[in-house]
Each structure stands twice: as C-alpha cells, then as structure tokens.
Protein backbone atom coordinates (compact mmCIF):
# COMPACT_ATOMS: atom_id res chain seq x y z
CA UNK A 1 -17.07 14.41 32.30
CA UNK A 2 -14.53 12.16 34.05
CA UNK A 3 -11.10 12.24 32.46
CA UNK A 4 -8.81 9.23 32.48
CA UNK A 5 -5.21 8.63 31.50
CA UNK A 6 -3.91 10.63 28.59
CA UNK A 7 -6.83 13.03 28.79
CA UNK A 8 -9.34 10.47 27.49
CA UNK A 9 -12.82 10.74 28.88
CA UNK A 10 -15.04 7.86 29.92
CA UNK A 11 -17.03 8.53 26.75
CA UNK A 12 -13.85 8.20 24.67
CA UNK A 13 -13.02 4.90 26.33
CA UNK A 14 -16.51 3.55 25.78
CA UNK A 15 -16.43 4.60 22.13
CA UNK A 16 -13.03 2.96 21.69
CA UNK A 17 -14.28 -0.27 23.27
CA UNK A 18 -17.36 -0.30 21.04
CA UNK A 19 -15.20 0.32 18.01
CA UNK A 20 -12.80 -2.51 18.94
CA UNK A 21 -15.63 -5.02 19.33
CA UNK A 22 -17.40 -3.95 16.13
CA UNK A 23 -14.24 -4.13 14.03
CA UNK A 24 -13.15 -7.47 15.45
CA UNK A 25 -16.54 -9.03 14.72
CA UNK A 26 -16.79 -7.35 11.31
CA UNK A 27 -13.40 -8.46 10.00
CA UNK A 28 -12.91 -11.59 12.12
CA UNK A 29 -16.26 -13.25 11.55
CA UNK A 30 -18.71 -14.56 14.19
CA UNK A 31 -17.14 -14.85 17.62
CA UNK A 32 -18.25 -15.63 21.15
CA UNK A 33 -18.06 -13.22 24.08
CA UNK A 34 -15.31 -15.38 25.55
CA UNK A 35 -13.22 -15.07 22.37
CA UNK A 36 -13.76 -11.32 22.11
CA UNK A 37 -11.80 -10.64 25.29
CA UNK A 38 -8.42 -11.93 24.08
CA UNK A 39 -9.11 -10.70 20.54
CA UNK A 40 -9.74 -7.11 21.63
CA UNK A 41 -7.66 -6.91 24.80
CA UNK A 42 -10.75 -5.97 26.82
CA UNK A 43 -11.73 -7.46 30.15
CA UNK A 44 -14.66 -9.86 30.29
CA UNK A 45 -16.68 -7.21 32.12
CA UNK A 46 -15.99 -4.61 29.43
CA UNK A 47 -16.87 -7.08 26.69
CA UNK A 48 -20.14 -7.93 28.44
CA UNK A 49 -21.07 -4.25 28.81
CA UNK A 50 -20.15 -3.34 25.24
CA UNK A 51 -21.91 -6.35 23.73
CA UNK A 52 -25.01 -5.54 25.76
CA UNK A 53 -25.03 -1.98 24.42
CA UNK A 54 -24.47 -3.05 20.82
CA UNK A 55 -27.18 -5.71 21.00
CA UNK A 56 -29.57 -3.16 22.47
CA UNK A 57 -28.70 -0.79 19.62
CA UNK A 58 -29.52 -3.53 17.12
CA UNK A 59 -25.95 -3.61 15.76
CA UNK A 60 -25.11 -7.16 16.89
CA UNK A 61 -27.09 -10.35 16.54
CA UNK A 62 -26.66 -14.02 17.37
CA UNK A 63 -25.04 -16.15 14.67
CA UNK A 64 -25.42 -19.65 16.10
CA UNK A 65 -24.09 -21.72 18.99
CA UNK A 66 -20.89 -23.74 19.26
CA UNK A 67 -19.90 -26.38 21.76
CA UNK A 68 -17.09 -25.58 24.17
CA UNK A 69 -14.64 -28.05 25.68
CA UNK A 70 -16.38 -29.41 28.75
CA UNK A 71 -18.41 -26.27 29.33
CA UNK A 72 -21.67 -24.68 28.33
CA UNK A 73 -22.29 -24.01 24.62
CA UNK A 74 -21.20 -20.56 23.53
CA UNK A 75 -23.32 -18.11 21.54
CA UNK A 76 -21.63 -16.60 18.52
CA UNK A 77 -22.16 -12.93 17.71
CA UNK A 78 -21.89 -11.02 14.46
CA UNK A 79 -22.54 -7.52 13.16
CA UNK A 80 -26.18 -7.41 12.03
CA UNK A 81 -26.12 -6.83 8.24
CA UNK A 82 -29.50 -5.10 8.12
CA UNK A 83 -28.76 -2.68 10.96
CA UNK A 84 -27.34 -0.02 8.65
CA UNK A 85 -26.86 0.84 4.98
CA UNK A 86 -24.27 2.69 2.92
CA UNK A 87 -24.25 4.11 -0.59
CA UNK A 88 -21.13 4.07 -2.75
CA UNK A 89 -20.75 6.32 -5.80
CA UNK A 90 -18.09 5.98 -8.49
CA UNK A 91 -17.77 9.09 -10.66
CA UNK A 92 -16.13 7.16 -13.46
CA UNK A 93 -14.85 7.96 -16.91
CA UNK A 94 -17.96 7.03 -18.87
CA UNK A 95 -20.72 6.89 -16.24
CA UNK A 96 -21.71 7.50 -12.64
CA UNK A 97 -22.33 4.22 -10.81
CA UNK A 98 -24.40 4.26 -7.59
CA UNK A 99 -24.79 1.18 -5.37
CA UNK A 100 -26.64 0.60 -2.10
CA UNK A 101 -25.19 -1.88 0.40
CA UNK A 102 -26.14 -3.31 3.75
CA UNK A 103 -23.66 -3.26 6.62
CA UNK A 104 -22.04 -6.49 5.38
CA UNK A 105 -21.49 -4.77 2.00
CA UNK A 106 -23.98 -7.01 0.26
CA UNK A 107 -25.31 -5.13 -2.75
CA UNK A 108 -29.01 -4.29 -2.42
CA UNK A 109 -29.52 -2.09 -5.49
CA UNK A 110 -27.55 -0.33 -8.23
CA UNK A 111 -27.92 2.06 -11.11
CA UNK A 112 -25.59 3.48 -13.74
CA UNK A 113 -26.04 6.81 -15.48
CA UNK A 114 -23.90 7.57 -18.57
CA UNK A 115 -21.87 10.74 -18.99
CA UNK A 116 -23.17 12.26 -22.21
CA UNK A 117 -21.58 13.31 -24.41
CA UNK A 118 -18.94 10.70 -23.64
CA UNK A 119 -16.32 11.95 -21.23
CA UNK A 120 -18.31 15.07 -20.27
CA UNK A 121 -17.32 16.01 -16.72
CA UNK A 122 -19.51 19.09 -16.36
CA UNK A 123 -20.38 19.28 -12.70
CA UNK A 124 -24.08 20.05 -13.09
CA UNK A 125 -25.01 16.78 -14.85
CA UNK A 126 -22.77 14.75 -12.53
CA UNK A 127 -24.40 16.20 -9.41
CA UNK A 128 -27.78 15.45 -10.97
CA UNK A 129 -26.70 11.87 -11.70
CA UNK A 130 -25.66 11.35 -8.08
CA UNK A 131 -28.95 12.79 -6.80
CA UNK A 132 -30.96 10.67 -9.25
CA UNK A 133 -28.93 7.55 -8.48
CA UNK A 134 -29.39 7.89 -4.72
CA UNK A 135 -33.16 8.19 -5.12
CA UNK A 136 -33.23 5.25 -7.55
CA UNK A 137 -31.34 2.76 -5.36
CA UNK A 138 -33.29 3.65 -2.23
CA UNK A 139 -36.55 3.23 -4.13
CA UNK A 140 -35.44 -0.07 -5.70
CA UNK A 141 -34.55 -1.50 -2.28
CA UNK A 142 -37.67 -0.03 -0.68
CA UNK A 143 -35.83 1.54 2.24
CA UNK A 144 -35.62 5.00 3.73
CA UNK A 145 -32.71 7.01 5.07
CA UNK A 146 -33.20 6.22 8.76
CA UNK A 147 -30.39 3.65 8.80
CA UNK A 148 -28.25 5.21 6.07
CA UNK A 149 -24.77 5.86 7.45
CA UNK A 150 -23.74 8.05 4.56
CA UNK A 151 -22.82 8.32 0.91
CA UNK A 152 -19.20 7.75 -0.12
CA UNK A 153 -18.15 9.28 -3.43
CA UNK A 154 -14.99 8.33 -5.35
CA UNK A 155 -13.83 10.98 -7.82
CA UNK A 156 -10.80 11.68 -10.04
CA UNK A 157 -8.38 14.28 -8.76
CA UNK A 158 -7.11 15.70 -5.48
CA UNK A 159 -9.72 16.03 -2.72
CA UNK A 160 -9.36 18.65 -0.01
CA UNK A 161 -11.63 17.27 2.71
CA UNK A 162 -10.68 20.02 5.17
CA UNK A 163 -11.80 22.93 3.00
CA UNK A 164 -14.27 25.43 4.49
CA UNK A 165 -17.77 24.54 3.31
CA UNK A 166 -16.97 20.86 2.76
CA UNK A 167 -14.81 18.74 0.45
CA UNK A 168 -13.41 20.47 -2.64
CA UNK A 169 -12.13 18.59 -5.69
CA UNK A 170 -9.15 19.70 -7.77
CA UNK A 171 -9.41 17.63 -10.94
CA UNK A 172 -7.02 19.13 -13.45
CA UNK A 173 -7.36 16.31 -15.99
CA UNK A 174 -11.15 16.69 -16.10
CA UNK A 175 -11.33 20.47 -15.94
CA UNK A 176 -12.44 20.79 -12.31
CA UNK A 177 -10.95 23.84 -10.62
CA UNK A 178 -11.67 23.74 -6.87
CA UNK A 179 -15.18 22.32 -7.31
CA UNK A 180 -17.07 22.37 -3.95
CA UNK A 181 -18.64 19.00 -4.61
CA UNK A 182 -19.82 18.30 -1.06
CA UNK A 183 -21.73 21.59 -0.88
CA UNK A 184 -23.24 20.99 -4.33
CA UNK A 185 -24.45 17.52 -3.38
CA UNK A 186 -25.84 18.77 -0.08
CA UNK A 187 -27.71 21.53 -1.95
CA UNK A 188 -29.69 18.96 -3.96
CA UNK A 189 -31.72 18.05 -0.88
CA UNK A 190 -31.47 14.39 -1.83
CA UNK A 191 -30.71 13.39 1.77
CA UNK A 192 -31.50 14.67 5.26
CA UNK A 193 -28.84 16.88 6.83
CA UNK A 194 -27.80 14.15 9.26
CA UNK A 195 -26.66 11.83 6.44
CA UNK A 196 -23.10 12.78 5.41
CA UNK A 197 -21.46 12.83 2.02
CA UNK A 198 -17.84 11.64 2.26
CA UNK A 199 -15.77 12.37 -0.84
CA UNK A 200 -12.35 10.96 -1.69
CA UNK A 201 -10.05 10.10 -4.55
CA UNK A 202 -11.21 7.06 -6.54
CA UNK A 203 -7.81 5.36 -6.44
CA UNK A 204 -7.87 5.57 -2.65
CA UNK A 205 -11.34 4.05 -2.43
CA UNK A 206 -10.20 1.25 -4.76
CA UNK A 207 -7.18 0.67 -2.53
CA UNK A 208 -9.26 0.51 0.64
CA UNK A 209 -11.67 -1.97 -0.93
CA UNK A 210 -8.86 -4.29 -2.06
CA UNK A 211 -7.10 -4.06 1.31
CA UNK A 212 -10.26 -4.76 3.31
CA UNK A 213 -11.93 -7.41 1.17
CA UNK A 214 -9.81 -8.23 -1.86
CA UNK A 215 -6.33 -9.21 -2.98
CA UNK A 216 -4.69 -6.83 -0.50
CA UNK A 217 -5.81 -8.69 2.63
CA UNK A 218 -2.84 -9.81 4.69
CA UNK A 219 -0.48 -7.14 3.33
CA UNK A 220 0.88 -4.32 5.45
CA UNK A 221 2.46 -2.25 2.67
CA UNK A 222 0.88 -2.12 -0.75
CA UNK A 223 0.29 0.05 -3.79
CA UNK A 224 -3.05 -0.31 -5.56
CA UNK A 225 -3.21 1.00 -9.13
CA UNK A 226 -6.36 2.36 -10.75
CA UNK A 227 -5.91 1.81 -14.50
CA UNK A 228 -8.70 3.30 -16.60
CA UNK A 229 -8.72 6.16 -19.12
CA UNK A 230 -5.85 7.48 -17.06
CA UNK A 231 -3.87 5.96 -14.21
CA UNK A 232 -3.63 6.67 -10.50
CA UNK A 233 -2.56 4.83 -7.39
CA UNK A 234 -3.03 4.56 -3.66
CA UNK A 235 -0.24 3.87 -1.18
CA UNK A 236 -1.08 1.84 1.93
CA UNK A 237 1.59 1.68 4.63
CA UNK A 238 1.43 -0.17 7.93
CA UNK A 239 -1.94 -1.66 7.08
CA UNK A 240 -3.74 -4.20 9.23
CA UNK A 241 -3.22 -7.80 8.11
CA UNK A 242 -6.80 -8.74 9.01
CA UNK A 243 -8.54 -5.90 7.17
CA UNK A 244 -8.59 -3.04 9.60
CA UNK A 245 -9.46 0.54 8.80
CA UNK A 246 -6.08 1.95 7.79
CA UNK A 247 -6.50 4.61 5.12
CA UNK A 248 -4.30 4.84 2.06
CA UNK A 249 -2.66 7.90 0.54
CA UNK A 250 -3.71 8.75 -3.03
CA UNK A 251 -0.75 9.24 -5.37
CA UNK A 252 -0.89 11.30 -8.56
CA UNK A 253 1.29 8.55 -9.98
CA UNK A 254 0.00 8.99 -13.52
CA UNK A 255 1.67 12.40 -13.66
CA UNK A 256 5.21 11.28 -13.01
CA UNK A 257 7.39 12.41 -15.90
CA UNK A 258 8.66 9.38 -17.80
CA UNK A 259 9.76 11.13 -21.01
CA UNK A 260 11.14 14.66 -21.05
CA UNK A 261 9.38 16.66 -23.79
CA UNK A 262 7.33 13.54 -24.48
CA UNK A 263 3.67 13.10 -25.40
CA UNK A 264 1.25 15.68 -24.10
CA UNK A 265 -0.86 14.42 -21.20
CA UNK A 266 -4.46 15.42 -20.70
CA UNK A 267 -3.28 17.37 -17.63
CA UNK A 268 -1.41 19.67 -20.03
CA UNK A 269 2.14 18.60 -19.14
CA UNK A 270 4.54 16.69 -21.42
CA UNK A 271 5.78 13.15 -20.88
CA UNK A 272 3.49 11.99 -18.03
CA UNK A 273 3.16 8.26 -17.40
CA UNK A 274 -0.56 8.59 -18.10
CA UNK A 275 0.21 9.79 -21.62
CA UNK A 276 1.72 6.37 -22.32
CA UNK A 277 -0.32 3.95 -20.19
CA UNK A 278 -3.93 5.16 -19.82
CA UNK A 279 -6.59 3.63 -22.06
CA UNK A 280 -7.07 7.01 -23.74
CA UNK A 281 -3.39 7.02 -24.66
CA UNK A 282 -3.44 3.42 -25.93
CA UNK A 283 -6.31 4.15 -28.26
CA UNK A 284 -4.74 7.40 -29.45
CA UNK A 285 -1.46 5.64 -30.31
CA UNK A 286 -3.34 2.86 -32.09
CA UNK A 287 -5.24 5.42 -34.12
CA UNK A 288 -2.10 7.39 -34.95
CA UNK A 289 -0.61 4.24 -36.46
CA UNK A 290 -3.47 3.78 -38.88
CA UNK A 291 -5.73 1.42 -36.96
CA UNK A 292 -8.18 3.79 -35.30
CA UNK A 293 -10.67 4.25 -38.09
CA UNK A 294 -11.26 0.71 -39.27
CA UNK A 295 -10.57 -1.33 -36.15
CA UNK A 296 -11.71 1.05 -33.41
CA UNK A 297 -14.38 3.32 -34.90
CA UNK A 298 -15.22 6.55 -33.16
CA UNK A 299 -18.74 5.26 -32.51
CA UNK A 300 -17.37 2.79 -29.97
CA UNK A 301 -17.03 3.86 -26.37
CA UNK A 302 -13.61 3.58 -24.75
CA UNK A 303 -14.18 0.14 -23.25
CA UNK A 304 -15.45 -1.29 -26.54
CA UNK A 305 -12.56 0.30 -28.42
CA UNK A 306 -9.99 -1.13 -26.01
CA UNK A 307 -11.60 -4.55 -26.37
CA UNK A 308 -11.26 -4.18 -30.14
CA UNK A 309 -7.56 -3.32 -29.77
CA UNK A 310 -7.06 -6.34 -27.52
CA UNK A 311 -8.85 -8.62 -29.99
CA UNK A 312 -6.60 -7.33 -32.77
CA UNK A 313 -3.52 -8.05 -30.65
CA UNK A 314 -4.75 -11.58 -29.92
CA UNK A 315 -5.21 -12.00 -33.68
CA UNK A 316 -1.53 -10.99 -34.08
CA UNK A 317 -2.11 -7.56 -35.60
CA UNK A 318 1.45 -6.13 -35.43
CA UNK A 319 0.39 -2.57 -34.59
CA UNK A 320 -1.91 -3.65 -31.76
CA UNK A 321 0.79 -5.98 -30.41
CA UNK A 322 3.32 -3.14 -30.55
CA UNK A 323 1.03 -0.74 -28.67
CA UNK A 324 0.38 -3.29 -25.91
CA UNK A 325 4.08 -4.12 -25.61
CA UNK A 326 4.92 -0.42 -25.27
CA UNK A 327 2.21 -0.01 -22.67
CA UNK A 328 3.48 -2.96 -20.64
CA UNK A 329 7.00 -1.52 -20.63
CA UNK A 330 5.90 1.97 -19.59
CA UNK A 331 3.62 0.52 -16.92
CA UNK A 332 6.45 -1.68 -15.60
CA UNK A 333 8.84 1.28 -15.58
CA UNK A 334 6.27 3.37 -13.74
CA UNK A 335 5.83 0.63 -11.18
CA UNK A 336 9.59 0.49 -10.69
CA UNK A 337 9.40 4.06 -9.37
CA UNK A 338 6.94 3.10 -6.63
CA UNK A 339 8.95 -0.05 -5.90
CA UNK A 340 12.15 1.93 -5.41
CA UNK A 341 10.46 4.76 -3.50
CA UNK A 342 8.10 2.87 -1.20
CA UNK A 343 9.27 -0.77 -1.24
CA UNK A 344 5.76 -2.26 -1.04
CA UNK A 345 5.28 -5.96 -0.49
CA UNK A 346 2.36 -6.07 -2.89
CA UNK A 347 1.20 -4.14 -5.99
CA UNK A 348 -2.33 -4.67 -7.25
CA UNK A 349 -3.67 -3.45 -10.57
CA UNK A 350 -7.38 -2.66 -10.82
CA UNK A 351 -9.70 -0.42 -12.79
CA UNK A 352 -11.69 -1.47 -15.83
CA UNK A 353 -8.75 -1.17 -18.27
CA UNK A 354 -6.33 -2.88 -15.90
CA UNK A 355 -8.67 -5.82 -15.42
CA UNK A 356 -9.33 -6.04 -19.17
CA UNK A 357 -5.69 -5.90 -20.24
CA UNK A 358 -4.08 -7.46 -17.18
CA UNK A 359 -4.36 -11.13 -18.13
CA UNK A 360 -2.58 -10.34 -21.41
CA UNK A 361 0.16 -7.92 -20.33
CA UNK A 362 0.79 -8.77 -16.66
CA UNK A 363 3.77 -11.13 -17.29
CA UNK A 364 5.49 -8.42 -19.37
CA UNK A 365 4.68 -5.75 -16.76
CA UNK A 366 6.31 -7.86 -14.05
CA UNK A 367 9.38 -8.42 -16.21
CA UNK A 368 9.82 -4.73 -16.99
CA UNK A 369 9.16 -3.66 -13.39
CA UNK A 370 11.93 -6.00 -12.20
CA UNK A 371 14.31 -4.81 -14.90
CA UNK A 372 13.88 -1.12 -14.05
CA UNK A 373 13.84 -1.56 -10.25
CA UNK A 374 16.60 -1.96 -7.72
CA UNK A 375 17.15 -5.64 -7.09
CA UNK A 376 16.46 -5.79 -3.34
CA UNK A 377 12.99 -4.10 -3.29
CA UNK A 378 12.06 -5.86 -6.54
CA UNK A 379 12.71 -9.27 -4.99
CA UNK A 380 10.19 -8.73 -2.16
CA UNK A 381 7.26 -7.36 -4.18
CA UNK A 382 4.50 -9.26 -5.93
CA UNK A 383 2.48 -7.72 -8.78
CA UNK A 384 -1.03 -9.06 -9.35
CA UNK A 385 -4.51 -8.00 -10.41
CA UNK A 386 -7.12 -6.79 -7.95
CA UNK A 387 -9.79 -9.36 -7.13
CA UNK A 388 -12.93 -7.25 -6.64
CA UNK A 389 -13.70 -6.54 -10.28
CA UNK A 390 -14.94 -3.32 -11.88
CA UNK A 391 -17.17 -2.43 -8.89
CA UNK A 392 -14.20 -2.04 -6.54
CA UNK A 393 -14.25 1.79 -6.55
CA UNK A 394 -17.93 1.79 -5.62
CA UNK A 395 -17.36 -0.75 -2.85
CA UNK A 396 -14.44 1.31 -1.61
CA UNK A 397 -16.55 4.47 -1.67
CA UNK A 398 -19.12 2.71 0.54
CA UNK A 399 -16.37 1.93 3.04
CA UNK A 400 -15.89 5.66 3.68
CA UNK A 401 -19.07 6.00 5.79
CA UNK A 402 -18.35 2.52 7.17
CA UNK A 403 -14.97 3.76 8.44
CA UNK A 404 -16.71 6.67 10.15
CA UNK A 405 -19.19 4.21 11.66
CA UNK A 406 -16.33 2.21 13.19
CA UNK A 407 -14.53 5.34 14.40
CA UNK A 408 -17.61 6.47 16.34
CA UNK A 409 -18.22 3.06 17.84
CA UNK A 410 -21.36 2.57 15.79
CA UNK A 411 -22.96 5.87 16.75
CA UNK A 412 -24.10 8.40 14.19
CA UNK A 413 -22.49 11.81 14.33
CA UNK A 414 -24.39 14.33 12.22
CA UNK A 415 -22.22 16.42 9.88
CA UNK A 416 -21.57 20.06 10.65
CA UNK A 417 -23.69 22.49 8.59
CA UNK A 418 -21.78 23.49 5.48
CA UNK A 419 -21.95 27.02 4.16
CA UNK A 420 -22.19 27.46 0.42
CA UNK A 421 -18.81 28.66 -0.86
CA UNK A 422 -18.93 32.22 -2.18
CA UNK A 423 -19.20 32.59 -5.94
CA UNK A 424 -20.91 29.24 -6.57
CA UNK A 425 -24.58 29.58 -7.49
CA UNK A 426 -23.68 26.63 -9.63
CA UNK A 427 -24.44 23.49 -11.27
CA UNK A 428 -27.95 22.97 -10.05
CA UNK A 429 -29.05 26.33 -11.44
CA UNK A 430 -27.29 25.76 -14.74
CA UNK A 431 -28.12 22.12 -15.31
CA UNK A 432 -26.31 20.78 -18.31
CA UNK A 433 -23.94 23.76 -18.46
CA UNK A 434 -20.19 23.77 -17.86
CA UNK A 435 -20.61 24.83 -14.24
CA UNK A 436 -17.54 23.10 -12.92
CA UNK A 437 -14.99 23.96 -15.57
CA UNK A 438 -14.34 27.55 -14.54
CA UNK A 439 -15.07 29.57 -11.49
CA UNK A 440 -17.89 32.06 -12.14
C-alpha cells in the first residue's frame, strides 16, 4: 500500500475525501460538483472521482438542476435518504423507545415498551425489549438488515466503550454494576454479526442530536442538559458551526454536591444536585409536604404525576409553587457551576421533565444561574430549551452509527467478534430476573 505524507495511505486519503464529501452534502444540503470543491478543499478531479464512487455505491443521488451564470446548468447532488438505515434506542426511565430512521433521519417506524414494574432496570427485560423493538420496527417498515448501518443505544450511566468484550455500562443510580450490555445484545441474535451495536450515555446522545439538528446548531461550545427522573449533561467543546460530527463528553453533573449532608440521592450519596432537581426528587418533596397522596396519587406514572404538580402550581397551590421555585434555584445554581468551569456559549435543557417544566421555570433558572455565576462567563451564555422534543435521545442514538458511517467514508466496517465476558451467563437465561443488579 502506497504511503503518503504523515504516514497516510492512499486508502486513508480516499476514505477522508469520501467522508468530506458525504458530510458536506449531508449537513450543507444539495450542492453541485463545482460547489463541492471549495466547500471541501478538494480539487475538481478528486471531487469528480469521489462523487463517481459514491453515486456508484448508491449513496448519492441527483436533487435537481440549477442555472449557472452564463454557463451550463449544474446538477445538484444529495445524500440518498434510502441508501441506508439506522436504529436508535433510548433506554429511558419508564420505557424503552426504539425508532428506525433512513439516512436523512426521517422516522420510518417506532415502538415503545414499558419498564414494568415502573422504574425496573433489570437487565434481562431491557435486553428483551431492545431485541423485540428492533424486530418490530424492521417488520413495520418492511425492510431487512442489508442496509442497516447499526443500532445506537442511549443508556443512563458511564459507558466504557473500550472494555474487552464490548461496551460495559456502569449505572450506579439504576443498580447496574459493570453490565456488559453490548455482549448481551449481541447474544440475542437479533441482528447479523456485521451490524454493530454502539452504546453511549443518553445525555451525550441528546447533546449530539441538538448540536447536529436542533437548538445547538451554530454553537461551538455548549452544555446540553438531560432533565428527567434524574439529571445529566453533555459538554461539547470546539464543535462545528454547521453540524459536523464532533462528539460531546458526558458529565455526571447530577452528582455534584450542592448541599453537604443534604438529601440522599438515588446514587447513595448525600446532597447531590439530582436529589434536588430530578423529577423523582420534585415529586418526593411534594409528597413530603402533604400533597403526594391527593394530588399526585401513586397510581400515576412519573410524567403524569409531574404534570399534576405543574397543574397545581399553575392553579397557585402554594406547596407546588414552592417546590418549583426551589427546583429552579437549585437548577440555576447547578448551571452556574458549568458556566464557571466551562464557559459555554449556549446551555440547552432537554429531557421529558425539562421540556415539560421549562416553559414555566426557565426565566427563574436563568435569573438564578446569573446570580450564582461569575459575571463575565454569565454574560456570554444563553440558556434555552432543546428544540427536538422528547425523541431527541433516540435521534441522537441513531447518530452513533451515522457518525461511524461518515468516519469510514460511507463504507461498512464489520465489528470485531466480541467474547462473552466471564461470569455472565446472564439476562437472557434468567429473563425477568435481576440479572444486571449484581455480578453472579
């Protein structure tokens, strides 16, 4: 193999050129061959060669013709939406959501499977839900796995993607102790070996979705908050203003200590931010103050109960108003930490609870964040809600195989065979049991 400057081979250069063209067309919209040269920095000959390859591979298609000044009309090109598919999975707090997308991230099918009993994070049932959901969306759309780039999975907790045997999840708040989720999913046989599972933290997938397609577009430095039963965040630094494929860094922001010897968090520690701002905490504090039984009965799920609390606050119930005001202050104070530490230009709040409460508490959150922050970084940051809605984690999960697709220049690279980690006969053999809560 011929080696060029910096040790790059001809194959590396070709892959990089393919990647540059694919990303420019994907994020920049339809474009002519003549425009692709300046946009990518490639010569006209390189553009012609790469476009020819990508058209032959079925990844690009014509998207119309435009007149040029005094010259021949120019053919516009775009990434062909039907040339590949991705599946995004959100292992959420009340259900597992599975969605199938085409290459343009248009939703083709979806299914949601509840976690029963509510909040049960046993690994066996969750792995079964993912397997069932994958089969359901493929069947609904009537497609096979031939063009499936992969399955992205957003989960709570810390994900070690470099672990031997595949990605391992450390989810202390949900009782997951080094769960080898990638190996467990692969063992279901739901997909051929050449279709990868790519697992990452849910806050990071939310952040990538908002930066690529949502309210984060145009920002280089941002923090995206996932506000649900608990809270987490993703830090994006030096992002691309036109979308790009820059990855964020998940932050265990919900476990910053905001009150020494304070309320006990579900992680086991005292005084975590999550113990004062997550939906679970809001509802617990409302109940402790005498409103939980009548206004938010135990039969309601968490989203319904939080809606009931919000309705009570709108109706001027003093306890509900007090709980929301406390939450806004703690959330603002927590955001002041990321403002002072990272000096982002933009903070976005997403997640089902954030989107539900945001319109009511966002002005107070901004006020408290400014009050607790240093003046200079506070003056350059904006705090807003995410724009992609409650499906943002699933969309972001689908971007994980899409990122790999761009990195390989649109060529599939089959995953390496993963050995089953020792000691895990696991969840599939003990369906419905607490397979993921302790190591056998």
